[in-house]
Amino acid sequence: MNIPHFCVGDLLEMKKPHPCGAKTMKVLRVGSDMRIVCTGCGRDLTLPRVKLEKAVKKILPAEKTEEVSK
C-alpha cells in the first residue's frame, strides 16, 4: 500500500471538484488533520488525513508548482 506524502504548499488535484468548480486545493497544514484551501474560491477546510488521502487524485509537489508560476 502506497501512503501519500503531503507537504505544506503542495497542490492536490481532487477526484471530485469543489462546489465552486475548482479541482485543486493547496495544503496549509499537515498532521492527523489536514488543512487545505480551495484554489478557486478560497474556502478553508480541515479534514481527517484518511478522508483526504481517499479524495486525492494527484499530488503536485510545491517545488514543481513554484516553477510553473514563474
PDB file of N, CA and C in Angstrom:
ATOM      1  N   MET A   1       0.845  -1.185   0.000  1.00  0.00           N
ATOM      2  CA  MET A   1       0.000   0.000   0.000  1.00  0.00           C
ATOM      3  C   MET A   1       0.886   1.243   0.000  1.00  0.00           C
ATOM      4  N   ASN A   2       0.590   2.173  -0.901  1.00  0.00           N
ATOM      5  CA  ASN A   2       1.377   3.377  -1.031  1.00  0.00           C
ATOM      6  C   ASN A   2       0.743   4.508  -0.220  1.00  0.00           C
ATOM      7  N   ILE A   3       1.466   5.018   0.778  1.00  0.00           N
ATOM      8  CA  ILE A   3       0.971   6.104   1.610  1.00  0.00           C
ATOM      9  C   ILE A   3       1.449   7.420   1.018  1.00  0.00           C
ATOM     10  N   PRO A   4       0.524   8.314   0.654  1.00  0.00           N
ATOM     11  CA  PRO A   4       0.947   9.590   0.062  1.00  0.00           C
ATOM     12  C   PRO A   4       1.643  10.485   1.076  1.00  0.00           C
ATOM     13  N   HIS A   5       2.619  11.253   0.600  1.00  0.00           N
ATOM     14  CA  HIS A   5       3.381  12.167   1.449  1.00  0.00           C
ATOM     15  C   HIS A   5       2.976  13.593   1.094  1.00  0.00           C
ATOM     16  N   PHE A   6       2.379  14.301   2.035  1.00  0.00           N
ATOM     17  CA  PHE A   6       1.942  15.674   1.824  1.00  0.00           C
ATOM     18  C   PHE A   6       2.919  16.641   2.472  1.00  0.00           C
ATOM     19  N   CYS A   7       3.143  17.778   1.827  1.00  0.00           N
ATOM     20  CA  CYS A   7       3.962  18.860   2.381  1.00  0.00           C
ATOM     21  C   CYS A   7       3.188  20.165   2.267  1.00  0.00           C
ATOM     22  N   VAL A   8       3.491  21.108   3.150  1.00  0.00           N
ATOM     23  CA  VAL A   8       2.855  22.419   3.089  1.00  0.00           C
ATOM     24  C   VAL A   8       3.224  23.075   1.756  1.00  0.00           C
ATOM     25  N   GLY A   9       2.225  23.587   1.072  1.00  0.00           N
ATOM     26  CA  GLY A   9       2.445  24.239  -0.218  1.00  0.00           C
ATOM     27  C   GLY A   9       2.130  23.357  -1.415  1.00  0.00           C
ATOM     28  N   ASP A  10       1.967  22.050  -1.204  1.00  0.00           N
ATOM     29  CA  ASP A  10       1.620  21.144  -2.306  1.00  0.00           C
ATOM     30  C   ASP A  10       0.235  21.474  -2.847  1.00  0.00           C
ATOM     31  N   LEU A  11       0.055  21.285  -4.149  1.00  0.00           N
ATOM     32  CA  LEU A  11      -1.263  21.397  -4.759  1.00  0.00           C
ATOM     33  C   LEU A  11      -1.819  19.995  -4.933  1.00  0.00           C
ATOM     34  N   LEU A  12      -3.067  19.796  -4.555  1.00  0.00           N
ATOM     35  CA  LEU A  12      -3.714  18.496  -4.644  1.00  0.00           C
ATOM     36  C   LEU A  12      -4.794  18.549  -5.704  1.00  0.00           C
ATOM     37  N   GLU A  13      -4.732  17.628  -6.662  1.00  0.00           N
ATOM     38  CA  GLU A  13      -5.802  17.505  -7.642  1.00  0.00           C
ATOM     39  C   GLU A  13      -6.780  16.483  -7.075  1.00  0.00           C
ATOM     40  N   MET A  14      -8.034  16.902  -6.897  1.00  0.00           N
ATOM     41  CA  MET A  14      -9.032  16.063  -6.264  1.00  0.00           C
ATOM     42  C   MET A  14      -9.782  15.214  -7.298  1.00  0.00           C
ATOM     43  N   LYS A  15     -10.362  14.102  -6.842  1.00  0.00           N
ATOM     44  CA  LYS A  15     -11.159  13.247  -7.722  1.00  0.00           C
ATOM     45  C   LYS A  15     -12.443  13.947  -8.135  1.00  0.00           C
ATOM     46  N   LYS A  16     -13.069  14.650  -7.205  1.00  0.00           N
ATOM     47  CA  LYS A  16     -14.312  15.380  -7.479  1.00  0.00           C
ATOM     48  C   LYS A  16     -14.058  16.873  -7.298  1.00  0.00           C
ATOM     49  N   PRO A  17     -14.696  17.709  -8.113  1.00  0.00           N
ATOM     50  CA  PRO A  17     -14.488  19.149  -7.958  1.00  0.00           C
ATOM     51  C   PRO A  17     -15.209  19.707  -6.730  1.00  0.00           C
ATOM     52  N   HIS A  18     -14.688  20.818  -6.226  1.00  0.00           N
ATOM     53  CA  HIS A  18     -15.323  21.564  -5.147  1.00  0.00           C
ATOM     54  C   HIS A  18     -16.602  22.186  -5.720  1.00  0.00           C
ATOM     55  N   PRO A  19     -17.609  22.492  -4.922  1.00  0.00           N
ATOM     56  CA  PRO A  19     -18.837  23.097  -5.453  1.00  0.00           C
ATOM     57  C   PRO A  19     -18.615  24.356  -6.300  1.00  0.00           C
ATOM     58  N   CYS A  20     -17.493  25.072  -6.105  1.00  0.00           N
ATOM     59  CA  CYS A  20     -17.216  26.260  -6.919  1.00  0.00           C
ATOM     60  C   CYS A  20     -16.714  25.881  -8.314  1.00  0.00           C
ATOM     61  N   GLY A  21     -16.333  24.613  -8.507  1.00  0.00           N
ATOM     62  CA  GLY A  21     -15.875  24.144  -9.812  1.00  0.00           C
ATOM     63  C   GLY A  21     -14.384  23.853  -9.882  1.00  0.00           C
ATOM     64  N   ALA A  22     -13.601  24.322  -8.919  1.00  0.00           N
ATOM     65  CA  ALA A  22     -12.151  24.089  -8.923  1.00  0.00           C
ATOM     66  C   ALA A  22     -11.837  22.662  -8.474  1.00  0.00           C
ATOM     67  N   LYS A  23     -10.828  22.056  -9.089  1.00  0.00           N
ATOM     68  CA  LYS A  23     -10.429  20.694  -8.719  1.00  0.00           C
ATOM     69  C   LYS A  23      -9.108  20.655  -7.963  1.00  0.00           C
ATOM     70  N   THR A  24      -8.522  21.818  -7.665  1.00  0.00           N
ATOM     71  CA  THR A  24      -7.237  21.836  -6.963  1.00  0.00           C
ATOM     72  C   THR A  24      -7.368  22.510  -5.602  1.00  0.00           C
ATOM     73  N   MET A  25      -6.615  21.978  -4.659  1.00  0.00           N
ATOM     74  CA  MET A  25      -6.558  22.503  -3.296  1.00  0.00           C
ATOM     75  C   MET A  25      -5.093  22.661  -2.913  1.00  0.00           C
ATOM     76  N   LYS A  26      -4.794  23.630  -2.067  1.00  0.00           N
ATOM     77  CA  LYS A  26      -3.431  23.859  -1.598  1.00  0.00           C
ATOM     78  C   LYS A  26      -3.341  23.454  -0.130  1.00  0.00           C
ATOM     79  N   VAL A  27      -2.277  22.739   0.238  1.00  0.00           N
ATOM     80  CA  VAL A  27      -2.074  22.265   1.611  1.00  0.00           C
ATOM     81  C   VAL A  27      -1.539  23.408   2.468  1.00  0.00           C
ATOM     82  N   LEU A  28      -2.215  23.671   3.597  1.00  0.00           N
ATOM     83  CA  LEU A  28      -1.777  24.703   4.533  1.00  0.00           C
ATOM     84  C   LEU A  28      -1.154  24.112   5.791  1.00  0.00           C
ATOM     85  N   ARG A  29      -1.631  22.925   6.212  1.00  0.00           N
ATOM     86  CA  ARG A  29      -1.121  22.295   7.433  1.00  0.00           C
ATOM     87  C   ARG A  29      -1.207  20.783   7.282  1.00  0.00           C
ATOM     88  N   VAL A  30      -0.202  20.080   7.772  1.00  0.00           N
ATOM     89  CA  VAL A  30      -0.199  18.618   7.720  1.00  0.00           C
ATOM     90  C   VAL A  30      -0.240  18.060   9.136  1.00  0.00           C
ATOM     91  N   GLY A  31      -0.677  16.827   9.244  1.00  0.00           N
ATOM     92  CA  GLY A  31      -0.791  16.160  10.528  1.00  0.00           C
ATOM     93  C   GLY A  31      -1.903  15.136  10.439  1.00  0.00           C
ATOM     94  N   SER A  32      -2.465  14.751  11.586  1.00  0.00           N
ATOM     95  CA  SER A  32      -3.570  13.802  11.549  1.00  0.00           C
ATOM     96  C   SER A  32      -4.817  14.450  10.954  1.00  0.00           C
ATOM     97  N   ASP A  33      -4.950  15.760  11.126  1.00  0.00           N
ATOM     98  CA  ASP A  33      -5.965  16.549  10.433  1.00  0.00           C
ATOM     99  C   ASP A  33      -5.235  17.462   9.463  1.00  0.00           C
ATOM    100  N   MET A  34      -5.698  17.481   8.212  1.00  0.00           N
ATOM    101  CA  MET A  34      -5.048  18.274   7.173  1.00  0.00           C
ATOM    102  C   MET A  34      -5.871  19.529   6.921  1.00  0.00           C
ATOM    103  N   ARG A  35      -5.195  20.658   6.788  1.00  0.00           N
ATOM    104  CA  ARG A  35      -5.883  21.908   6.467  1.00  0.00           C
ATOM    105  C   ARG A  35      -5.555  22.273   5.029  1.00  0.00           C
ATOM    106  N   ILE A  36      -6.595  22.440   4.215  1.00  0.00           N
ATOM    107  CA  ILE A  36      -6.414  22.761   2.805  1.00  0.00           C
ATOM    108  C   ILE A  36      -7.285  23.957   2.453  1.00  0.00           C
ATOM    109  N   VAL A  37      -6.926  24.628   1.354  1.00  0.00           N
ATOM    110  CA  VAL A  37      -7.715  25.771   0.895  1.00  0.00           C
ATOM    111  C   VAL A  37      -7.990  25.576  -0.593  1.00  0.00           C
ATOM    112  N   CYS A  38      -9.216  25.885  -1.013  1.00  0.00           N
ATOM    113  CA  CYS A  38      -9.614  25.763  -2.414  1.00  0.00           C
ATOM    114  C   CYS A  38      -8.927  26.860  -3.216  1.00  0.00           C
ATOM    115  N   THR A  39      -8.349  26.496  -4.366  1.00  0.00           N
ATOM    116  CA  THR A  39      -7.675  27.484  -5.198  1.00  0.00           C
ATOM    117  C   THR A  39      -8.670  28.324  -5.997  1.00  0.00           C
ATOM    118  N   GLY A  40      -9.916  27.896  -6.076  1.00  0.00           N
ATOM    119  CA  GLY A  40     -10.929  28.635  -6.822  1.00  0.00           C
ATOM    120  C   GLY A  40     -11.591  29.726  -5.997  1.00  0.00           C
ATOM    121  N   CYS A  41     -12.187  29.334  -4.863  1.00  0.00           N
ATOM    122  CA  CYS A  41     -12.967  30.292  -4.068  1.00  0.00           C
ATOM    123  C   CYS A  41     -12.296  30.703  -2.764  1.00  0.00           C
ATOM    124  N   GLY A  42     -11.223  30.000  -2.357  1.00  0.00           N
ATOM    125  CA  GLY A  42     -10.517  30.355  -1.129  1.00  0.00           C
ATOM    126  C   GLY A  42     -11.105  29.750   0.136  1.00  0.00           C
ATOM    127  N   ARG A  43     -12.045  28.839  -0.005  1.00  0.00           N
ATOM    128  CA  ARG A  43     -12.664  28.183   1.155  1.00  0.00           C
ATOM    129  C   ARG A  43     -11.626  27.349   1.904  1.00  0.00           C
ATOM    130  N   ASP A  44     -11.594  27.485   3.212  1.00  0.00           N
ATOM    131  CA  ASP A  44     -10.634  26.798   4.066  1.00  0.00           C
ATOM    132  C   ASP A  44     -11.298  25.557   4.663  1.00  0.00           C
ATOM    133  N   LEU A  45     -10.668  24.379   4.510  1.00  0.00           N
ATOM    134  CA  LEU A  45     -11.229  23.120   5.010  1.00  0.00           C
ATOM    135  C   LEU A  45     -10.232  22.411   5.908  1.00  0.00           C
ATOM    136  N   THR A  46     -10.726  21.773   6.942  1.00  0.00           N
ATOM    137  CA  THR A  46      -9.913  20.892   7.771  1.00  0.00           C
ATOM    138  C   THR A  46     -10.543  19.504   7.694  1.00  0.00           C
ATOM    139  N   LEU A  47      -9.759  18.535   7.196  1.00  0.00           N
ATOM    140  CA  LEU A  47     -10.252  17.174   7.002  1.00  0.00           C
ATOM    141  C   LEU A  47      -9.330  16.175   7.690  1.00  0.00           C
ATOM    142  N   PRO A  48      -9.878  15.043   8.149  1.00  0.00           N
ATOM    143  CA  PRO A  48      -9.014  13.977   8.648  1.00  0.00           C
ATOM    144  C   PRO A  48      -8.120  13.472   7.508  1.00  0.00           C
ATOM    145  N   ARG A  49      -6.886  13.145   7.820  1.00  0.00           N
ATOM    146  CA  ARG A  49      -5.914  12.716   6.812  1.00  0.00           C
ATOM    147  C   ARG A  49      -6.418  11.531   5.992  1.00  0.00           C
ATOM    148  N   VAL A  50      -7.048  10.554   6.641  1.00  0.00           N
ATOM    149  CA  VAL A  50      -7.535   9.354   5.967  1.00  0.00           C
ATOM    150  C   VAL A  50      -8.568   9.717   4.904  1.00  0.00           C
ATOM    151  N   LYS A  51      -9.490  10.616   5.229  1.00  0.00           N
ATOM    152  CA  LYS A  51     -10.522  11.034   4.283  1.00  0.00           C
ATOM    153  C   LYS A  51      -9.900  11.791   3.105  1.00  0.00           C
ATOM    154  N   LEU A  52      -8.911  12.633   3.384  1.00  0.00           N
ATOM    155  CA  LEU A  52      -8.256  13.402   2.322  1.00  0.00           C
ATOM    156  C   LEU A  52      -7.456  12.489   1.389  1.00  0.00           C
ATOM    157  N   GLU A  53      -6.773  11.490   1.956  1.00  0.00           N
ATOM    158  CA  GLU A  53      -5.997  10.553   1.131  1.00  0.00           C
ATOM    159  C   GLU A  53      -6.888   9.850   0.106  1.00  0.00           C
ATOM    160  N   LYS A  54      -8.116   9.529   0.481  1.00  0.00           N
ATOM    161  CA  LYS A  54      -9.041   8.850  -0.424  1.00  0.00           C
ATOM    162  C   LYS A  54      -9.580   9.788  -1.504  1.00  0.00           C
ATOM    163  N   ALA A  55      -9.629  11.094  -1.220  1.00  0.00           N
ATOM    164  CA  ALA A  55     -10.218  12.065  -2.143  1.00  0.00           C
ATOM    165  C   ALA A  55      -9.214  12.632  -3.149  1.00  0.00           C
ATOM    166  N   VAL A  56      -7.909  12.409  -2.909  1.00  0.00           N
ATOM    167  CA  VAL A  56      -6.876  12.996  -3.768  1.00  0.00           C
ATOM    168  C   VAL A  56      -6.595  12.105  -4.969  1.00  0.00           C
ATOM    169  N   LYS A  57      -6.531  12.722  -6.145  1.00  0.00           N
ATOM    170  CA  LYS A  57      -6.207  12.017  -7.386  1.00  0.00           C
ATOM    171  C   LYS A  57      -4.702  12.097  -7.668  1.00  0.00           C
ATOM    172  N   LYS A  58      -4.126  13.305  -7.497  1.00  0.00           N
ATOM    173  CA  LYS A  58      -2.714  13.511  -7.806  1.00  0.00           C
ATOM    174  C   LYS A  58      -2.150  14.613  -6.918  1.00  0.00           C
ATOM    175  N   ILE A  59      -0.864  14.466  -6.516  1.00  0.00           N
ATOM    176  CA  ILE A  59      -0.178  15.473  -5.724  1.00  0.00           C
ATOM    177  C   ILE A  59       0.838  16.179  -6.612  1.00  0.00           C
ATOM    178  N   LEU A  60       0.741  17.505  -6.684  1.00  0.00           N
ATOM    179  CA  LEU A  60       1.711  18.311  -7.412  1.00  0.00           C
ATOM    180  C   LEU A  60       2.620  18.958  -6.367  1.00  0.00           C
ATOM    181  N   PRO A  61       3.884  18.480  -6.237  1.00  0.00           N
ATOM    182  CA  PRO A  61       4.776  18.995  -5.184  1.00  0.00           C
ATOM    183  C   PRO A  61       4.986  20.501  -5.276  1.00  0.00           C
ATOM    184  N   ALA A  62       5.269  21.122  -4.130  1.00  0.00           N
ATOM    185  CA  ALA A  62       5.441  22.574  -4.038  1.00  0.00           C
ATOM    186  C   ALA A  62       6.565  23.066  -4.942  1.00  0.00           C
ATOM    187  N   GLU A  63       7.658  22.301  -5.097  1.00  0.00           N
ATOM    188  CA  GLU A  63       8.788  22.731  -5.927  1.00  0.00           C
ATOM    189  C   GLU A  63       8.355  22.891  -7.379  1.00  0.00           C
ATOM    190  N   LYS A  64       7.569  21.948  -7.889  1.00  0.00           N
ATOM    191  CA  LYS A  64       7.127  21.998  -9.277  1.00  0.00           C
ATOM    192  C   LYS A  64       6.089  23.089  -9.496  1.00  0.00           C
ATOM    193  N   THR A  65       5.213  23.332  -8.518  1.00  0.00           N
ATOM    194  CA  THR A  65       4.192  24.362  -8.676  1.00  0.00           C
ATOM    195  C   THR A  65       4.826  25.745  -8.664  1.00  0.00           C
ATOM    196  N   GLU A  66       5.942  25.935  -7.948  1.00  0.00           N
ATOM    197  CA  GLU A  66       6.643  27.232  -7.950  1.00  0.00           C
ATOM    198  C   GLU A  66       7.255  27.501  -9.307  1.00  0.00           C
ATOM    199  N   GLU A  67       7.790  26.458  -9.968  1.00  0.00           N
ATOM    200  CA  GLU A  67       8.399  26.621 -11.292  1.00  0.00           C
ATOM    201  C   GLU A  67       7.337  27.010 -12.320  1.00  0.00           C
ATOM    202  N   VAL A  68       6.148  26.439 -12.213  1.00  0.00           N
ATOM    203  CA  VAL A  68       5.069  26.717 -13.152  1.00  0.00           C
ATOM    204  C   VAL A  68       4.592  28.157 -12.996  1.00  0.00           C
ATOM    205  N   SER A  69       4.524  28.662 -11.765  1.00  0.00           N
ATOM    206  CA  SER A  69       4.012  30.007 -11.533  1.00  0.00           C
ATOM    207  C   SER A  69       5.002  31.098 -11.957  1.00  0.00           C
ATOM    208  N   LYS A  70       6.277  30.767 -12.130  1.00  0.00           N
ATOM    209  CA  LYS A  70       7.283  31.775 -12.528  1.00  0.00           C
ATOM    210  C   LYS A  70       7.246  32.088 -13.994  1.00  0.00           C
TER     211      LYS A  70
END
